[in-house]
Amino acid sequence: DDVASVFFTTTPDLNAGFPAAAARKLG
C-alpha cells in the first residue's frame, strides 16, 4: 500500500512476457 508506482525495463531480447504480470500476482 506504500508503493506509489513501479517501473520495469527489460533488455530487448526479453519480449515473451511482462514483468508487471508478476507484480499483479504479488498484490
mmCIF file of all heavy atoms, coordinates in Angstrom:
data_MODEL
# 
_entry.id   MODEL 
# 
loop_
_atom_site.group_PDB 
_atom_site.id 
_atom_site.type_symbol 
_atom_site.label_atom_id 
_atom_site.label_alt_id 
_atom_site.label_comp_id 
_atom_site.label_asym_id 
_atom_site.label_entity_id 
_atom_site.label_seq_id 
_atom_site.pdbx_PDB_ins_code 
_atom_site.Cartn_x 
_atom_site.Cartn_y 
_atom_site.Cartn_z 
_atom_site.occupancy 
_atom_site.B_iso_or_equiv 
_atom_site.pdbx_formal_charge 
_atom_site.auth_seq_id 
_atom_site.auth_comp_id 
_atom_site.auth_asym_id 
_atom_site.auth_atom_id 
_atom_site.pdbx_PDB_model_num 
ATOM 1   N N   . ASP A 1 1  ? 0.818  -1.217  0.000   1.00 0.00 ? 1  ASP A N   1 
ATOM 2   C CA  . ASP A 1 1  ? 0.000  0.000   0.000   1.00 0.00 ? 1  ASP A CA  1 
ATOM 3   C C   . ASP A 1 1  ? 0.854  1.271   0.000   1.00 0.00 ? 1  ASP A C   1 
ATOM 4   O O   . ASP A 1 1  ? 0.353  2.348   -0.325  1.00 0.00 ? 1  ASP A O   1 
ATOM 5   C CB  . ASP A 1 1  ? -0.930 0.031   1.212   1.00 0.00 ? 1  ASP A CB  1 
ATOM 6   C CG  . ASP A 1 1  ? -2.067 -0.981  1.097   1.00 0.00 ? 1  ASP A CG  1 
ATOM 7   O OD1 . ASP A 1 1  ? -2.419 -1.357  -0.045  1.00 0.00 ? 1  ASP A OD1 1 
ATOM 8   O OD2 . ASP A 1 1  ? -2.593 -1.381  2.142   1.00 0.00 ? 1  ASP A OD2 1 
ATOM 9   N N   . ASP A 1 2  ? 2.130  1.167   0.348   1.00 0.00 ? 2  ASP A N   1 
ATOM 10  C CA  . ASP A 1 2  ? 3.029  2.318   0.369   1.00 0.00 ? 2  ASP A CA  1 
ATOM 11  C C   . ASP A 1 2  ? 3.769  2.514   -0.953  1.00 0.00 ? 2  ASP A C   1 
ATOM 12  O O   . ASP A 1 2  ? 4.524  3.466   -1.109  1.00 0.00 ? 2  ASP A O   1 
ATOM 13  C CB  . ASP A 1 2  ? 4.052  2.191   1.503   1.00 0.00 ? 2  ASP A CB  1 
ATOM 14  C CG  . ASP A 1 2  ? 3.395  2.274   2.873   1.00 0.00 ? 2  ASP A CG  1 
ATOM 15  O OD1 . ASP A 1 2  ? 2.364  2.959   2.997   1.00 0.00 ? 2  ASP A OD1 1 
ATOM 16  O OD2 . ASP A 1 2  ? 3.916  1.648   3.820   1.00 0.00 ? 2  ASP A OD2 1 
ATOM 17  N N   . VAL A 1 3  ? 3.564  1.612   -1.903  1.00 0.00 ? 3  VAL A N   1 
ATOM 18  C CA  . VAL A 1 3  ? 4.228  1.709   -3.202  1.00 0.00 ? 3  VAL A CA  1 
ATOM 19  C C   . VAL A 1 3  ? 3.417  2.640   -4.106  1.00 0.00 ? 3  VAL A C   1 
ATOM 20  O O   . VAL A 1 3  ? 2.236  2.397   -4.369  1.00 0.00 ? 3  VAL A O   1 
ATOM 21  C CB  . VAL A 1 3  ? 4.404  0.324   -3.858  1.00 0.00 ? 3  VAL A CB  1 
ATOM 22  C CG1 . VAL A 1 3  ? 5.058  0.448   -5.224  1.00 0.00 ? 3  VAL A CG1 1 
ATOM 23  C CG2 . VAL A 1 3  ? 5.222  -0.589  -2.950  1.00 0.00 ? 3  VAL A CG2 1 
ATOM 24  N N   . ALA A 1 4  ? 4.063  3.724   -4.555  1.00 0.00 ? 4  ALA A N   1 
ATOM 25  C CA  . ALA A 1 4  ? 3.390  4.702   -5.411  1.00 0.00 ? 4  ALA A CA  1 
ATOM 26  C C   . ALA A 1 4  ? 3.354  4.250   -6.867  1.00 0.00 ? 4  ALA A C   1 
ATOM 27  O O   . ALA A 1 4  ? 2.358  4.450   -7.563  1.00 0.00 ? 4  ALA A O   1 
ATOM 28  C CB  . ALA A 1 4  ? 4.077  6.062   -5.302  1.00 0.00 ? 4  ALA A CB  1 
ATOM 29  N N   . SER A 1 5  ? 4.439  3.650   -7.351  1.00 0.00 ? 5  SER A N   1 
ATOM 30  C CA  . SER A 1 5  ? 4.492  3.151   -8.721  1.00 0.00 ? 5  SER A CA  1 
ATOM 31  C C   . SER A 1 5  ? 5.712  2.258   -8.881  1.00 0.00 ? 5  SER A C   1 
ATOM 32  O O   . SER A 1 5  ? 6.632  2.288   -8.067  1.00 0.00 ? 5  SER A O   1 
ATOM 33  C CB  . SER A 1 5  ? 4.547  4.300   -9.738  1.00 0.00 ? 5  SER A CB  1 
ATOM 34  O OG  . SER A 1 5  ? 5.729  5.047   -9.581  1.00 0.00 ? 5  SER A OG  1 
ATOM 35  N N   . VAL A 1 6  ? 5.682  1.469   -9.949  1.00 0.00 ? 6  VAL A N   1 
ATOM 36  C CA  . VAL A 1 6  ? 6.791  0.572   -10.270 1.00 0.00 ? 6  VAL A CA  1 
ATOM 37  C C   . VAL A 1 6  ? 7.072  0.706   -11.762 1.00 0.00 ? 6  VAL A C   1 
ATOM 38  O O   . VAL A 1 6  ? 6.155  0.663   -12.590 1.00 0.00 ? 6  VAL A O   1 
ATOM 39  C CB  . VAL A 1 6  ? 6.455  -0.904  -9.940  1.00 0.00 ? 6  VAL A CB  1 
ATOM 40  C CG1 . VAL A 1 6  ? 7.638  -1.808  -10.267 1.00 0.00 ? 6  VAL A CG1 1 
ATOM 41  C CG2 . VAL A 1 6  ? 6.048  -1.058  -8.476  1.00 0.00 ? 6  VAL A CG2 1 
ATOM 42  N N   . PHE A 1 7  ? 8.352  0.853   -12.092 1.00 0.00 ? 7  PHE A N   1 
ATOM 43  C CA  . PHE A 1 7  ? 8.771  0.987   -13.482 1.00 0.00 ? 7  PHE A CA  1 
ATOM 44  C C   . PHE A 1 7  ? 9.768  -0.121  -13.799 1.00 0.00 ? 7  PHE A C   1 
ATOM 45  O O   . PHE A 1 7  ? 10.795 -0.246  -13.133 1.00 0.00 ? 7  PHE A O   1 
ATOM 46  C CB  . PHE A 1 7  ? 9.414  2.358   -13.717 1.00 0.00 ? 7  PHE A CB  1 
ATOM 47  C CG  . PHE A 1 7  ? 9.769  2.620   -15.143 1.00 0.00 ? 7  PHE A CG  1 
ATOM 48  C CD1 . PHE A 1 7  ? 8.788  2.887   -16.083 1.00 0.00 ? 7  PHE A CD1 1 
ATOM 49  C CD2 . PHE A 1 7  ? 11.083 2.596   -15.556 1.00 0.00 ? 7  PHE A CD2 1 
ATOM 50  C CE1 . PHE A 1 7  ? 9.112  3.125   -17.407 1.00 0.00 ? 7  PHE A CE1 1 
ATOM 51  C CE2 . PHE A 1 7  ? 11.427 2.832   -16.875 1.00 0.00 ? 7  PHE A CE2 1 
ATOM 52  C CZ  . PHE A 1 7  ? 10.433 3.098   -17.803 1.00 0.00 ? 7  PHE A CZ  1 
ATOM 53  N N   . PHE A 1 8  ? 9.445  -0.945  -14.789 1.00 0.00 ? 8  PHE A N   1 
ATOM 54  C CA  . PHE A 1 8  ? 10.297 -2.043  -15.226 1.00 0.00 ? 8  PHE A CA  1 
ATOM 55  C C   . PHE A 1 8  ? 10.927 -1.711  -16.566 1.00 0.00 ? 8  PHE A C   1 
ATOM 56  O O   . PHE A 1 8  ? 10.286 -1.095  -17.412 1.00 0.00 ? 8  PHE A O   1 
ATOM 57  C CB  . PHE A 1 8  ? 9.475  -3.319  -15.452 1.00 0.00 ? 8  PHE A CB  1 
ATOM 58  C CG  . PHE A 1 8  ? 8.817  -3.891  -14.252 1.00 0.00 ? 8  PHE A CG  1 
ATOM 59  C CD1 . PHE A 1 8  ? 7.500  -3.561  -13.954 1.00 0.00 ? 8  PHE A CD1 1 
ATOM 60  C CD2 . PHE A 1 8  ? 9.484  -4.777  -13.436 1.00 0.00 ? 8  PHE A CD2 1 
ATOM 61  C CE1 . PHE A 1 8  ? 6.865  -4.116  -12.858 1.00 0.00 ? 8  PHE A CE1 1 
ATOM 62  C CE2 . PHE A 1 8  ? 8.858  -5.330  -12.331 1.00 0.00 ? 8  PHE A CE2 1 
ATOM 63  C CZ  . PHE A 1 8  ? 7.548  -5.000  -12.042 1.00 0.00 ? 8  PHE A CZ  1 
ATOM 64  N N   . THR A 1 9  ? 12.145 -2.196  -16.778 1.00 0.00 ? 9  THR A N   1 
ATOM 65  C CA  . THR A 1 9  ? 12.697 -2.266  -18.124 1.00 0.00 ? 9  THR A CA  1 
ATOM 66  C C   . THR A 1 9  ? 13.221 -3.678  -18.337 1.00 0.00 ? 9  THR A C   1 
ATOM 67  O O   . THR A 1 9  ? 13.606 -4.365  -17.387 1.00 0.00 ? 9  THR A O   1 
ATOM 68  C CB  . THR A 1 9  ? 13.841 -1.259  -18.390 1.00 0.00 ? 9  THR A CB  1 
ATOM 69  O OG1 . THR A 1 9  ? 14.964 -1.580  -17.571 1.00 0.00 ? 9  THR A OG1 1 
ATOM 70  C CG2 . THR A 1 9  ? 13.388 0.172   -18.148 1.00 0.00 ? 9  THR A CG2 1 
ATOM 71  N N   . THR A 1 10 ? 13.215 -4.091  -19.592 1.00 0.00 ? 10 THR A N   1 
ATOM 72  C CA  . THR A 1 10 ? 13.812 -5.370  -19.965 1.00 0.00 ? 10 THR A CA  1 
ATOM 73  C C   . THR A 1 10 ? 14.775 -5.112  -21.121 1.00 0.00 ? 10 THR A C   1 
ATOM 74  O O   . THR A 1 10 ? 14.575 -4.180  -21.905 1.00 0.00 ? 10 THR A O   1 
ATOM 75  C CB  . THR A 1 10 ? 12.758 -6.393  -20.425 1.00 0.00 ? 10 THR A CB  1 
ATOM 76  O OG1 . THR A 1 10 ? 12.069 -5.877  -21.558 1.00 0.00 ? 10 THR A OG1 1 
ATOM 77  C CG2 . THR A 1 10 ? 11.772 -6.703  -19.316 1.00 0.00 ? 10 THR A CG2 1 
ATOM 78  N N   . THR A 1 11 ? 15.791 -5.933  -21.203 1.00 0.00 ? 11 THR A N   1 
ATOM 79  C CA  . THR A 1 11 ? 16.668 -5.846  -22.362 1.00 0.00 ? 11 THR A CA  1 
ATOM 80  C C   . THR A 1 11 ? 15.861 -6.258  -23.595 1.00 0.00 ? 11 THR A C   1 
ATOM 81  O O   . THR A 1 11 ? 14.858 -6.975  -23.485 1.00 0.00 ? 11 THR A O   1 
ATOM 82  C CB  . THR A 1 11 ? 17.910 -6.733  -22.181 1.00 0.00 ? 11 THR A CB  1 
ATOM 83  O OG1 . THR A 1 11 ? 17.504 -8.048  -21.789 1.00 0.00 ? 11 THR A OG1 1 
ATOM 84  C CG2 . THR A 1 11 ? 18.857 -6.151  -21.127 1.00 0.00 ? 11 THR A CG2 1 
ATOM 85  N N   . PRO A 1 12 ? 16.269 -5.790  -24.784 1.00 0.00 ? 12 PRO A N   1 
ATOM 86  C CA  . PRO A 1 12 ? 15.476 -6.054  -25.994 1.00 0.00 ? 12 PRO A CA  1 
ATOM 87  C C   . PRO A 1 12 ? 15.238 -7.532  -26.294 1.00 0.00 ? 12 PRO A C   1 
ATOM 88  O O   . PRO A 1 12 ? 14.282 -7.876  -26.997 1.00 0.00 ? 12 PRO A O   1 
ATOM 89  C CB  . PRO A 1 12 ? 16.300 -5.403  -27.108 1.00 0.00 ? 12 PRO A CB  1 
ATOM 90  C CG  . PRO A 1 12 ? 17.095 -4.348  -26.424 1.00 0.00 ? 12 PRO A CG  1 
ATOM 91  C CD  . PRO A 1 12 ? 17.403 -4.903  -25.053 1.00 0.00 ? 12 PRO A CD  1 
ATOM 92  N N   . ASP A 1 13 ? 16.063 -8.411  -25.744 1.00 0.00 ? 13 ASP A N   1 
ATOM 93  C CA  . ASP A 1 13 ? 15.917 -9.839  -26.013 1.00 0.00 ? 13 ASP A CA  1 
ATOM 94  C C   . ASP A 1 13 ? 14.874 -10.520 -25.126 1.00 0.00 ? 13 ASP A C   1 
ATOM 95  O O   . ASP A 1 13 ? 14.636 -11.713 -25.262 1.00 0.00 ? 13 ASP A O   1 
ATOM 96  C CB  . ASP A 1 13 ? 17.270 -10.546 -25.897 1.00 0.00 ? 13 ASP A CB  1 
ATOM 97  C CG  . ASP A 1 13 ? 17.980 -10.265 -24.585 1.00 0.00 ? 13 ASP A CG  1 
ATOM 98  O OD1 . ASP A 1 13 ? 17.433 -9.529  -23.740 1.00 0.00 ? 13 ASP A OD1 1 
ATOM 99  O OD2 . ASP A 1 13 ? 19.105 -10.761 -24.414 1.00 0.00 ? 13 ASP A OD2 1 
ATOM 100 N N   . LEU A 1 14 ? 14.228 -9.775  -24.245 1.00 0.00 ? 14 LEU A N   1 
ATOM 101 C CA  . LEU A 1 14 ? 13.150 -10.316 -23.410 1.00 0.00 ? 14 LEU A CA  1 
ATOM 102 C C   . LEU A 1 14 ? 11.822 -9.720  -23.882 1.00 0.00 ? 14 LEU A C   1 
ATOM 103 O O   . LEU A 1 14 ? 11.481 -8.588  -23.538 1.00 0.00 ? 14 LEU A O   1 
ATOM 104 C CB  . LEU A 1 14 ? 13.377 -9.981  -21.932 1.00 0.00 ? 14 LEU A CB  1 
ATOM 105 C CG  . LEU A 1 14 ? 14.552 -10.671 -21.254 1.00 0.00 ? 14 LEU A CG  1 
ATOM 106 C CD1 . LEU A 1 14 ? 14.706 -10.169 -19.823 1.00 0.00 ? 14 LEU A CD1 1 
ATOM 107 C CD2 . LEU A 1 14 ? 14.386 -12.190 -21.281 1.00 0.00 ? 14 LEU A CD2 1 
ATOM 108 N N   . ASN A 1 15 ? 11.094 -10.499 -24.669 1.00 0.00 ? 15 ASN A N   1 
ATOM 109 C CA  . ASN A 1 15 ? 9.834  -9.993  -25.207 1.00 0.00 ? 15 ASN A CA  1 
ATOM 110 C C   . ASN A 1 15 ? 8.692  -11.012 -25.136 1.00 0.00 ? 15 ASN A C   1 
ATOM 111 O O   . ASN A 1 15 ? 7.649  -10.823 -25.741 1.00 0.00 ? 15 ASN A O   1 
ATOM 112 C CB  . ASN A 1 15 ? 10.017 -9.509  -26.647 1.00 0.00 ? 15 ASN A CB  1 
ATOM 113 C CG  . ASN A 1 15 ? 10.459 -10.621 -27.581 1.00 0.00 ? 15 ASN A CG  1 
ATOM 114 O OD1 . ASN A 1 15 ? 10.522 -11.788 -27.197 1.00 0.00 ? 15 ASN A OD1 1 
ATOM 115 N ND2 . ASN A 1 15 ? 10.783 -10.260 -28.812 1.00 0.00 ? 15 ASN A ND2 1 
ATOM 116 N N   . ALA A 1 16 ? 8.888  -12.068 -24.363 1.00 0.00 ? 16 ALA A N   1 
ATOM 117 C CA  . ALA A 1 16 ? 7.875  -13.122 -24.297 1.00 0.00 ? 16 ALA A CA  1 
ATOM 118 C C   . ALA A 1 16 ? 6.832  -12.896 -23.205 1.00 0.00 ? 16 ALA A C   1 
ATOM 119 O O   . ALA A 1 16 ? 5.838  -13.616 -23.142 1.00 0.00 ? 16 ALA A O   1 
ATOM 120 C CB  . ALA A 1 16 ? 8.552  -14.482 -24.085 1.00 0.00 ? 16 ALA A CB  1 
ATOM 121 N N   . GLY A 1 17 ? 7.057  -11.921 -22.338 1.00 0.00 ? 17 GLY A N   1 
ATOM 122 C CA  . GLY A 1 17 ? 6.111  -11.673 -21.260 1.00 0.00 ? 17 GLY A CA  1 
ATOM 123 C C   . GLY A 1 17 ? 6.383  -10.341 -20.592 1.00 0.00 ? 17 GLY A C   1 
ATOM 124 O O   . GLY A 1 17 ? 7.373  -9.666  -20.895 1.00 0.00 ? 17 GLY A O   1 
ATOM 125 N N   . PHE A 1 18 ? 5.486  -9.981  -19.687 1.00 0.00 ? 18 PHE A N   1 
ATOM 126 C CA  . PHE A 1 18 ? 5.562  -8.706  -18.991 1.00 0.00 ? 18 PHE A CA  1 
ATOM 127 C C   . PHE A 1 18 ? 5.966  -8.900  -17.530 1.00 0.00 ? 18 PHE A C   1 
ATOM 128 O O   . PHE A 1 18 ? 5.300  -9.653  -16.814 1.00 0.00 ? 18 PHE A O   1 
ATOM 129 C CB  . PHE A 1 18 ? 4.201  -8.005  -19.015 1.00 0.00 ? 18 PHE A CB  1 
ATOM 130 C CG  . PHE A 1 18 ? 3.734  -7.611  -20.377 1.00 0.00 ? 18 PHE A CG  1 
ATOM 131 C CD1 . PHE A 1 18 ? 2.754  -8.352  -21.019 1.00 0.00 ? 18 PHE A CD1 1 
ATOM 132 C CD2 . PHE A 1 18 ? 4.256  -6.497  -21.010 1.00 0.00 ? 18 PHE A CD2 1 
ATOM 133 C CE1 . PHE A 1 18 ? 2.294  -7.983  -22.276 1.00 0.00 ? 18 PHE A CE1 1 
ATOM 134 C CE2 . PHE A 1 18 ? 3.814  -6.115  -22.271 1.00 0.00 ? 18 PHE A CE2 1 
ATOM 135 C CZ  . PHE A 1 18 ? 2.839  -6.863  -22.900 1.00 0.00 ? 18 PHE A CZ  1 
ATOM 136 N N   . PRO A 1 19 ? 6.999  -8.221  -17.052 1.00 0.00 ? 19 PRO A N   1 
ATOM 137 C CA  . PRO A 1 19 ? 7.330  -8.274  -15.621 1.00 0.00 ? 19 PRO A CA  1 
ATOM 138 C C   . PRO A 1 19 ? 6.162  -7.811  -14.744 1.00 0.00 ? 19 PRO A C   1 
ATOM 139 O O   . PRO A 1 19 ? 5.967  -8.319  -13.641 1.00 0.00 ? 19 PRO A O   1 
ATOM 140 C CB  . PRO A 1 19 ? 8.517  -7.332  -15.492 1.00 0.00 ? 19 PRO A CB  1 
ATOM 141 C CG  . PRO A 1 19 ? 9.149  -7.316  -16.837 1.00 0.00 ? 19 PRO A CG  1 
ATOM 142 C CD  . PRO A 1 19 ? 7.999  -7.444  -17.805 1.00 0.00 ? 19 PRO A CD  1 
ATOM 143 N N   . ALA A 1 20 ? 5.368  -6.877  -15.231 1.00 0.00 ? 20 ALA A N   1 
ATOM 144 C CA  . ALA A 1 20 ? 4.243  -6.366  -14.449 1.00 0.00 ? 20 ALA A CA  1 
ATOM 145 C C   . ALA A 1 20 ? 3.225  -7.459  -14.120 1.00 0.00 ? 20 ALA A C   1 
ATOM 146 O O   . ALA A 1 20 ? 2.529  -7.362  -13.105 1.00 0.00 ? 20 ALA A O   1 
ATOM 147 C CB  . ALA A 1 20 ? 3.564  -5.220  -15.195 1.00 0.00 ? 20 ALA A CB  1 
ATOM 148 N N   . ALA A 1 21 ? 3.138  -8.486  -14.932 1.00 0.00 ? 21 ALA A N   1 
ATOM 149 C CA  . ALA A 1 21 ? 2.211  -9.579  -14.643 1.00 0.00 ? 21 ALA A CA  1 
ATOM 150 C C   . ALA A 1 21 ? 2.558  -10.240 -13.318 1.00 0.00 ? 21 ALA A C   1 
ATOM 151 O O   . ALA A 1 21 ? 1.668  -10.597 -12.534 1.00 0.00 ? 21 ALA A O   1 
ATOM 152 C CB  . ALA A 1 21 ? 2.234  -10.607 -15.780 1.00 0.00 ? 21 ALA A CB  1 
ATOM 153 N N   . ALA A 1 22 ? 3.847  -10.381 -13.036 1.00 0.00 ? 22 ALA A N   1 
ATOM 154 C CA  . ALA A 1 22 ? 4.273  -10.956 -11.755 1.00 0.00 ? 22 ALA A CA  1 
ATOM 155 C C   . ALA A 1 22 ? 3.918  -10.018 -10.607 1.00 0.00 ? 22 ALA A C   1 
ATOM 156 O O   . ALA A 1 22 ? 3.516  -10.470 -9.532  1.00 0.00 ? 22 ALA A O   1 
ATOM 157 C CB  . ALA A 1 22 ? 5.773  -11.230 -11.768 1.00 0.00 ? 22 ALA A CB  1 
ATOM 158 N N   . ALA A 1 23 ? 4.071  -8.724  -10.825 1.00 0.00 ? 23 ALA A N   1 
ATOM 159 C CA  . ALA A 1 23 ? 3.735  -7.752  -9.784  1.00 0.00 ? 23 ALA A CA  1 
ATOM 160 C C   . ALA A 1 23 ? 2.255  -7.834  -9.421  1.00 0.00 ? 23 ALA A C   1 
ATOM 161 O O   . ALA A 1 23 ? 1.895  -7.807  -8.241  1.00 0.00 ? 23 ALA A O   1 
ATOM 162 C CB  . ALA A 1 23 ? 4.109  -6.343  -10.237 1.00 0.00 ? 23 ALA A CB  1 
ATOM 163 N N   . ARG A 1 24 ? 1.407  -7.941  -10.428 1.00 0.00 ? 24 ARG A N   1 
ATOM 164 C CA  . ARG A 1 24 ? -0.029 -8.048  -10.148 1.00 0.00 ? 24 ARG A CA  1 
ATOM 165 C C   . ARG A 1 24 ? -0.333 -9.303  -9.341  1.00 0.00 ? 24 ARG A C   1 
ATOM 166 O O   . ARG A 1 24 ? -1.148 -9.274  -8.412  1.00 0.00 ? 24 ARG A O   1 
ATOM 167 C CB  . ARG A 1 24 ? -0.819 -8.021  -11.452 1.00 0.00 ? 24 ARG A CB  1 
ATOM 168 C CG  . ARG A 1 24 ? -0.880 -6.623  -12.052 1.00 0.00 ? 24 ARG A CG  1 
ATOM 169 C CD  . ARG A 1 24 ? -1.860 -6.542  -13.211 1.00 0.00 ? 24 ARG A CD  1 
ATOM 170 N NE  . ARG A 1 24 ? -1.407 -7.256  -14.398 1.00 0.00 ? 24 ARG A NE  1 
ATOM 171 C CZ  . ARG A 1 24 ? -0.583 -6.748  -15.313 1.00 0.00 ? 24 ARG A CZ  1 
ATOM 172 N NH1 . ARG A 1 24 ? -0.116 -5.533  -15.171 1.00 0.00 ? 24 ARG A NH1 1 
ATOM 173 N NH2 . ARG A 1 24 ? -0.244 -7.456  -16.362 1.00 0.00 ? 24 ARG A NH2 1 
ATOM 174 N N   . LYS A 1 25 ? 0.337  -10.412 -9.648  1.00 0.00 ? 25 LYS A N   1 
ATOM 175 C CA  . LYS A 1 25 ? 0.130  -11.652 -8.895  1.00 0.00 ? 25 LYS A CA  1 
ATOM 176 C C   . LYS A 1 25 ? 0.572  -11.525 -7.440  1.00 0.00 ? 25 LYS A C   1 
ATOM 177 O O   . LYS A 1 25 ? 0.065  -12.212 -6.564  1.00 0.00 ? 25 LYS A O   1 
ATOM 178 C CB  . LYS A 1 25 ? 0.884  -12.806 -9.560  1.00 0.00 ? 25 LYS A CB  1 
ATOM 179 C CG  . LYS A 1 25 ? 0.278  -13.252 -10.868 1.00 0.00 ? 25 LYS A CG  1 
ATOM 180 C CD  . LYS A 1 25 ? 1.097  -14.360 -11.491 1.00 0.00 ? 25 LYS A CD  1 
ATOM 181 C CE  . LYS A 1 25 ? 0.572  -14.735 -12.855 1.00 0.00 ? 25 LYS A CE  1 
ATOM 182 N NZ  . LYS A 1 25 ? 1.423  -15.740 -13.518 1.00 0.00 ? 25 LYS A NZ  1 
ATOM 183 N N   . LEU A 1 26 ? 1.536  -10.621 -7.183  1.00 0.00 ? 26 LEU A N   1 
ATOM 184 C CA  . LEU A 1 26 ? 2.025  -10.410 -5.820  1.00 0.00 ? 26 LEU A CA  1 
ATOM 185 C C   . LEU A 1 26 ? 1.160  -9.428  -5.030  1.00 0.00 ? 26 LEU A C   1 
ATOM 186 O O   . LEU A 1 26 ? 1.451  -9.152  -3.868  1.00 0.00 ? 26 LEU A O   1 
ATOM 187 C CB  . LEU A 1 26 ? 3.474  -9.904  -5.842  1.00 0.00 ? 26 LEU A CB  1 
ATOM 188 C CG  . LEU A 1 26 ? 4.527  -10.912 -6.257  1.00 0.00 ? 26 LEU A CG  1 
ATOM 189 C CD1 . LEU A 1 26 ? 5.895  -10.239 -6.384  1.00 0.00 ? 26 LEU A CD1 1 
ATOM 190 C CD2 . LEU A 1 26 ? 4.601  -12.053 -5.239  1.00 0.00 ? 26 LEU A CD2 1 
ATOM 191 N N   . GLY A 1 27 ? 0.135  -8.865  -5.659  1.00 0.00 ? 27 GLY A N   1 
ATOM 192 C CA  . GLY A 1 27 ? -0.754 -7.962  -4.951  1.00 0.00 ? 27 GLY A CA  1 
ATOM 193 C C   . GLY A 1 27 ? -0.627 -6.500  -5.323  1.00 0.00 ? 27 GLY A C   1 
ATOM 194 O O   . GLY A 1 27 ? -1.224 -5.636  -4.684  1.00 0.00 ? 27 GLY A O   1 
# 
